[in-house]
Amino acid sequence: MGMKGKLIVSLEVKCGGHSVYDIFHTNTHHLPNISPSRIKHFEIHEGEIGKIDSVVSWKYYEDGKEMFAKIVIEAIDPLKKSITWKVIDGNLLELYNSFTVITSCEH
């Protein structure tokens, strides 16, 4: 039997939750410009930005090393300002059997 885990991170940002949600929902392609020291590249493989079942990939940096993640958007909830991504390929799956990221904003 595999071990399950959950990590919850809370960040305070200097803008409203609607702005953060907007960046991850409809302006994801701007993240390499917003945080070039963390995110190198964003690419859409299938679907459209901000649409369920779209497949996108990220090249990002972790401890100075370039990493890769290919993800599918599983769920979007505009009322909760929530987006759920599931990793389907990349470095994270070398460490974990599955990896899901859920972002949400309170304000």
N, C-alpha and C. Protein backbone atom coordinates (compact mmCIF):
# COMPACT_ATOMS: atom_id res chain seq x y z
N MET A 1 0.84 -1.17 0.00
CA MET A 1 0.00 0.00 0.00
C MET A 1 0.89 1.24 0.00
N GLY A 2 0.56 2.19 -0.84
CA GLY A 2 1.33 3.43 -0.93
C GLY A 2 0.98 4.39 0.18
N MET A 3 1.88 5.28 0.44
CA MET A 3 1.65 6.28 1.46
C MET A 3 1.05 7.52 0.82
N LYS A 4 0.02 8.06 1.44
CA LYS A 4 -0.59 9.29 0.95
C LYS A 4 -0.15 10.43 1.84
N GLY A 5 -0.08 11.59 1.26
CA GLY A 5 0.28 12.76 2.04
C GLY A 5 -0.38 13.99 1.48
N LYS A 6 -0.42 15.00 2.30
CA LYS A 6 -1.03 16.26 1.89
C LYS A 6 -0.19 17.38 2.48
N LEU A 7 0.16 18.32 1.65
CA LEU A 7 0.92 19.48 2.09
C LEU A 7 0.09 20.71 1.80
N ILE A 8 -0.14 21.51 2.80
CA ILE A 8 -0.91 22.74 2.62
C ILE A 8 0.02 23.92 2.87
N VAL A 9 0.06 24.82 1.91
CA VAL A 9 0.90 26.00 2.01
C VAL A 9 0.01 27.22 1.91
N SER A 10 0.24 28.19 2.77
CA SER A 10 -0.52 29.43 2.74
C SER A 10 0.45 30.58 2.50
N LEU A 11 0.14 31.40 1.52
CA LEU A 11 0.98 32.54 1.19
C LEU A 11 0.17 33.82 1.26
N GLU A 12 0.78 34.85 1.76
CA GLU A 12 0.15 36.16 1.75
C GLU A 12 0.73 36.94 0.57
N VAL A 13 -0.13 37.48 -0.25
CA VAL A 13 0.31 38.25 -1.40
C VAL A 13 -0.20 39.68 -1.29
N LYS A 14 0.44 40.58 -2.00
CA LYS A 14 0.10 42.00 -1.93
C LYS A 14 -0.90 42.40 -3.00
N CYS A 15 -1.83 41.50 -3.31
CA CYS A 15 -2.89 41.80 -4.26
C CYS A 15 -4.10 40.96 -3.89
N GLY A 16 -5.21 41.22 -4.50
CA GLY A 16 -6.42 40.46 -4.21
C GLY A 16 -6.35 39.05 -4.78
N GLY A 17 -7.12 38.15 -4.19
CA GLY A 17 -7.17 36.77 -4.66
C GLY A 17 -7.61 36.66 -6.10
N HIS A 18 -8.47 37.59 -6.52
CA HIS A 18 -8.92 37.58 -7.91
C HIS A 18 -7.76 37.76 -8.88
N SER A 19 -6.75 38.55 -8.48
CA SER A 19 -5.58 38.75 -9.35
C SER A 19 -4.75 37.47 -9.46
N VAL A 20 -4.56 36.80 -8.34
CA VAL A 20 -3.80 35.54 -8.35
C VAL A 20 -4.54 34.49 -9.17
N TYR A 21 -5.84 34.38 -8.96
CA TYR A 21 -6.65 33.43 -9.72
C TYR A 21 -6.58 33.74 -11.22
N ASP A 22 -6.65 35.01 -11.56
CA ASP A 22 -6.59 35.42 -12.97
C ASP A 22 -5.26 35.02 -13.61
N ILE A 23 -4.17 35.18 -12.87
CA ILE A 23 -2.86 34.80 -13.40
C ILE A 23 -2.81 33.30 -13.69
N PHE A 24 -3.29 32.48 -12.75
CA PHE A 24 -3.23 31.03 -12.94
C PHE A 24 -4.32 30.51 -13.87
N HIS A 25 -5.43 31.24 -14.00
CA HIS A 25 -6.54 30.76 -14.82
C HIS A 25 -6.43 31.20 -16.27
N THR A 26 -6.24 32.49 -16.52
CA THR A 26 -6.27 32.97 -17.91
C THR A 26 -4.96 33.58 -18.40
N ASN A 27 -4.05 33.87 -17.51
CA ASN A 27 -2.79 34.50 -17.92
C ASN A 27 -1.57 33.69 -17.50
N THR A 28 -1.73 32.38 -17.47
CA THR A 28 -0.65 31.50 -17.04
C THR A 28 0.60 31.67 -17.89
N HIS A 29 0.41 31.97 -19.15
CA HIS A 29 1.54 32.13 -20.07
C HIS A 29 2.44 33.31 -19.69
N HIS A 30 1.98 34.19 -18.79
CA HIS A 30 2.80 35.32 -18.33
C HIS A 30 3.71 34.96 -17.15
N LEU A 31 3.52 33.81 -16.54
CA LEU A 31 4.32 33.45 -15.37
C LEU A 31 5.83 33.46 -15.61
N PRO A 32 6.34 33.01 -16.76
CA PRO A 32 7.79 33.12 -16.98
C PRO A 32 8.29 34.57 -16.96
N ASN A 33 7.44 35.53 -17.34
CA ASN A 33 7.83 36.94 -17.28
C ASN A 33 7.69 37.49 -15.86
N ILE A 34 6.72 36.99 -15.11
CA ILE A 34 6.49 37.45 -13.74
C ILE A 34 7.57 36.92 -12.81
N SER A 35 7.97 35.67 -13.00
CA SER A 35 8.95 35.04 -12.12
C SER A 35 10.00 34.26 -12.92
N PRO A 36 10.85 34.98 -13.67
CA PRO A 36 11.83 34.29 -14.53
C PRO A 36 12.88 33.49 -13.75
N SER A 37 13.10 33.81 -12.49
CA SER A 37 14.07 33.05 -11.71
C SER A 37 13.50 31.69 -11.26
N ARG A 38 12.18 31.52 -11.35
CA ARG A 38 11.53 30.27 -10.95
C ARG A 38 10.94 29.49 -12.12
N ILE A 39 10.37 30.20 -13.08
CA ILE A 39 9.68 29.55 -14.19
C ILE A 39 10.33 29.95 -15.50
N LYS A 40 10.83 28.96 -16.23
CA LYS A 40 11.54 29.23 -17.48
C LYS A 40 10.61 29.26 -18.68
N HIS A 41 9.65 28.33 -18.73
CA HIS A 41 8.86 28.18 -19.95
C HIS A 41 7.49 27.59 -19.63
N PHE A 42 6.49 28.01 -20.38
CA PHE A 42 5.13 27.48 -20.28
C PHE A 42 4.64 27.21 -21.69
N GLU A 43 4.06 26.04 -21.92
CA GLU A 43 3.59 25.69 -23.27
C GLU A 43 2.26 24.93 -23.20
N ILE A 44 1.36 25.25 -24.12
CA ILE A 44 0.08 24.55 -24.22
C ILE A 44 0.24 23.43 -25.25
N HIS A 45 -0.12 22.21 -24.87
CA HIS A 45 -0.03 21.07 -25.78
C HIS A 45 -1.39 20.70 -26.37
N GLU A 46 -2.42 20.75 -25.54
CA GLU A 46 -3.78 20.44 -25.98
C GLU A 46 -4.74 21.38 -25.27
N GLY A 47 -5.78 21.80 -25.98
CA GLY A 47 -6.80 22.64 -25.37
C GLY A 47 -6.42 24.11 -25.36
N GLU A 48 -6.95 24.82 -24.37
CA GLU A 48 -6.74 26.26 -24.23
C GLU A 48 -6.40 26.60 -22.79
N ILE A 49 -5.77 27.75 -22.61
CA ILE A 49 -5.48 28.23 -21.26
C ILE A 49 -6.79 28.35 -20.50
N GLY A 50 -6.80 27.83 -19.28
CA GLY A 50 -7.95 27.99 -18.41
C GLY A 50 -9.14 27.10 -18.73
N LYS A 51 -8.93 26.04 -19.50
CA LYS A 51 -10.02 25.12 -19.84
C LYS A 51 -9.73 23.73 -19.26
N ILE A 52 -10.75 23.09 -18.70
CA ILE A 52 -10.61 21.75 -18.16
C ILE A 52 -10.16 20.79 -19.26
N ASP A 53 -9.32 19.84 -18.89
CA ASP A 53 -8.72 18.82 -19.77
C ASP A 53 -7.62 19.36 -20.68
N SER A 54 -7.27 20.63 -20.55
CA SER A 54 -6.13 21.16 -21.31
C SER A 54 -4.84 20.57 -20.74
N VAL A 55 -3.88 20.34 -21.62
CA VAL A 55 -2.58 19.79 -21.22
C VAL A 55 -1.52 20.85 -21.48
N VAL A 56 -0.76 21.16 -20.44
CA VAL A 56 0.28 22.18 -20.54
C VAL A 56 1.57 21.64 -19.92
N SER A 57 2.69 22.27 -20.25
CA SER A 57 3.95 21.88 -19.62
C SER A 57 4.66 23.11 -19.09
N TRP A 58 5.46 22.87 -18.08
CA TRP A 58 6.25 23.90 -17.42
C TRP A 58 7.70 23.45 -17.40
N LYS A 59 8.60 24.37 -17.63
CA LYS A 59 10.01 24.18 -17.29
C LYS A 59 10.26 25.19 -16.18
N TYR A 60 10.77 24.70 -15.08
CA TYR A 60 10.96 25.55 -13.91
C TYR A 60 12.28 25.20 -13.23
N TYR A 61 12.68 26.02 -12.29
CA TYR A 61 13.94 25.80 -11.58
C TYR A 61 13.66 25.40 -10.14
N GLU A 62 14.39 24.39 -9.69
CA GLU A 62 14.33 23.98 -8.30
C GLU A 62 15.77 23.79 -7.84
N ASP A 63 16.18 24.57 -6.86
CA ASP A 63 17.57 24.56 -6.37
C ASP A 63 18.57 24.75 -7.51
N GLY A 64 18.24 25.64 -8.46
CA GLY A 64 19.12 25.95 -9.56
C GLY A 64 19.12 24.94 -10.70
N LYS A 65 18.39 23.84 -10.52
CA LYS A 65 18.33 22.79 -11.54
C LYS A 65 17.03 22.93 -12.34
N GLU A 66 17.14 22.81 -13.66
CA GLU A 66 15.95 22.90 -14.50
C GLU A 66 15.12 21.63 -14.39
N MET A 67 13.83 21.80 -14.15
CA MET A 67 12.90 20.68 -13.99
C MET A 67 11.79 20.81 -15.04
N PHE A 68 11.00 19.75 -15.17
CA PHE A 68 9.94 19.71 -16.17
C PHE A 68 8.69 19.08 -15.56
N ALA A 69 7.53 19.63 -15.90
CA ALA A 69 6.26 19.03 -15.48
C ALA A 69 5.24 19.21 -16.60
N LYS A 70 4.56 18.13 -16.92
CA LYS A 70 3.45 18.18 -17.88
C LYS A 70 2.20 17.89 -17.07
N ILE A 71 1.20 18.76 -17.20
CA ILE A 71 0.03 18.66 -16.35
C ILE A 71 -1.26 18.75 -17.16
N VAL A 72 -2.33 18.25 -16.56
CA VAL A 72 -3.66 18.39 -17.14
C VAL A 72 -4.51 19.16 -16.13
N ILE A 73 -5.30 20.09 -16.62
CA ILE A 73 -6.20 20.85 -15.75
C ILE A 73 -7.42 19.98 -15.49
N GLU A 74 -7.62 19.59 -14.23
CA GLU A 74 -8.71 18.68 -13.88
C GLU A 74 -9.99 19.40 -13.48
N ALA A 75 -9.86 20.52 -12.80
CA ALA A 75 -11.06 21.21 -12.31
C ALA A 75 -10.79 22.70 -12.18
N ILE A 76 -11.85 23.48 -12.39
CA ILE A 76 -11.80 24.93 -12.21
C ILE A 76 -13.08 25.34 -11.51
N ASP A 77 -12.94 26.10 -10.42
CA ASP A 77 -14.11 26.59 -9.69
C ASP A 77 -13.98 28.10 -9.52
N PRO A 78 -14.63 28.89 -10.39
CA PRO A 78 -14.51 30.35 -10.30
C PRO A 78 -15.03 30.93 -8.99
N LEU A 79 -16.04 30.32 -8.38
CA LEU A 79 -16.58 30.84 -7.12
C LEU A 79 -15.58 30.73 -5.99
N LYS A 80 -14.85 29.62 -5.93
CA LYS A 80 -13.82 29.42 -4.90
C LYS A 80 -12.46 29.91 -5.36
N LYS A 81 -12.39 30.41 -6.60
CA LYS A 81 -11.12 30.81 -7.21
C LYS A 81 -10.11 29.67 -7.08
N SER A 82 -10.53 28.48 -7.50
CA SER A 82 -9.74 27.26 -7.33
C SER A 82 -9.45 26.60 -8.68
N ILE A 83 -8.24 26.08 -8.82
CA ILE A 83 -7.83 25.33 -10.01
C ILE A 83 -7.10 24.07 -9.53
N THR A 84 -7.41 22.93 -10.15
CA THR A 84 -6.77 21.67 -9.81
C THR A 84 -6.00 21.16 -11.02
N TRP A 85 -4.71 20.89 -10.81
CA TRP A 85 -3.84 20.36 -11.85
C TRP A 85 -3.34 18.99 -11.42
N LYS A 86 -3.23 18.07 -12.36
CA LYS A 86 -2.63 16.76 -12.08
C LYS A 86 -1.40 16.60 -12.97
N VAL A 87 -0.28 16.27 -12.34
CA VAL A 87 0.97 16.05 -13.08
C VAL A 87 0.87 14.70 -13.79
N ILE A 88 1.14 14.70 -15.11
CA ILE A 88 1.06 13.46 -15.89
C ILE A 88 2.42 13.03 -16.45
N ASP A 89 3.43 13.89 -16.32
CA ASP A 89 4.78 13.55 -16.78
C ASP A 89 5.76 14.54 -16.15
N GLY A 90 6.99 14.11 -15.98
CA GLY A 90 8.02 15.03 -15.50
C GLY A 90 8.74 14.55 -14.25
N ASN A 91 9.59 15.42 -13.74
CA ASN A 91 10.47 15.11 -12.62
C ASN A 91 9.74 14.73 -11.34
N LEU A 92 8.59 15.34 -11.07
CA LEU A 92 7.86 15.02 -9.85
C LEU A 92 7.42 13.56 -9.80
N LEU A 93 7.13 12.98 -10.96
CA LEU A 93 6.69 11.58 -10.99
C LEU A 93 7.85 10.60 -10.82
N GLU A 94 9.07 11.11 -10.81
CA GLU A 94 10.21 10.27 -10.44
C GLU A 94 10.24 10.08 -8.93
N LEU A 95 9.64 11.01 -8.20
CA LEU A 95 9.61 10.96 -6.74
C LEU A 95 8.29 10.45 -6.18
N TYR A 96 7.19 10.71 -6.89
CA TYR A 96 5.85 10.37 -6.40
C TYR A 96 5.08 9.59 -7.45
N ASN A 97 4.21 8.69 -7.00
CA ASN A 97 3.35 7.93 -7.93
C ASN A 97 2.34 8.84 -8.60
N SER A 98 1.85 9.81 -7.88
CA SER A 98 0.94 10.81 -8.44
C SER A 98 1.16 12.12 -7.70
N PHE A 99 0.84 13.21 -8.36
CA PHE A 99 1.05 14.53 -7.76
C PHE A 99 -0.03 15.46 -8.30
N THR A 100 -0.83 16.01 -7.39
CA THR A 100 -1.91 16.93 -7.75
C THR A 100 -1.71 18.24 -7.01
N VAL A 101 -1.91 19.34 -7.72
CA VAL A 101 -1.79 20.68 -7.13
C VAL A 101 -3.16 21.34 -7.19
N ILE A 102 -3.59 21.87 -6.05
CA ILE A 102 -4.85 22.62 -5.99
C ILE A 102 -4.52 24.02 -5.47
N THR A 103 -4.84 25.03 -6.26
CA THR A 103 -4.65 26.40 -5.79
C THR A 103 -6.03 27.00 -5.54
N SER A 104 -6.12 27.82 -4.51
CA SER A 104 -7.37 28.53 -4.23
C SER A 104 -7.03 29.83 -3.51
N CYS A 105 -7.92 30.79 -3.63
CA CYS A 105 -7.72 32.10 -3.02
C CYS A 105 -8.91 32.42 -2.13
N GLU A 106 -8.64 32.99 -0.97
CA GLU A 106 -9.71 33.29 -0.03
C GLU A 106 -10.33 34.66 -0.24
N HIS A 107 -9.59 35.61 -0.76
CA HIS A 107 -10.13 36.97 -0.89
C HIS A 107 -10.10 37.42 -2.32
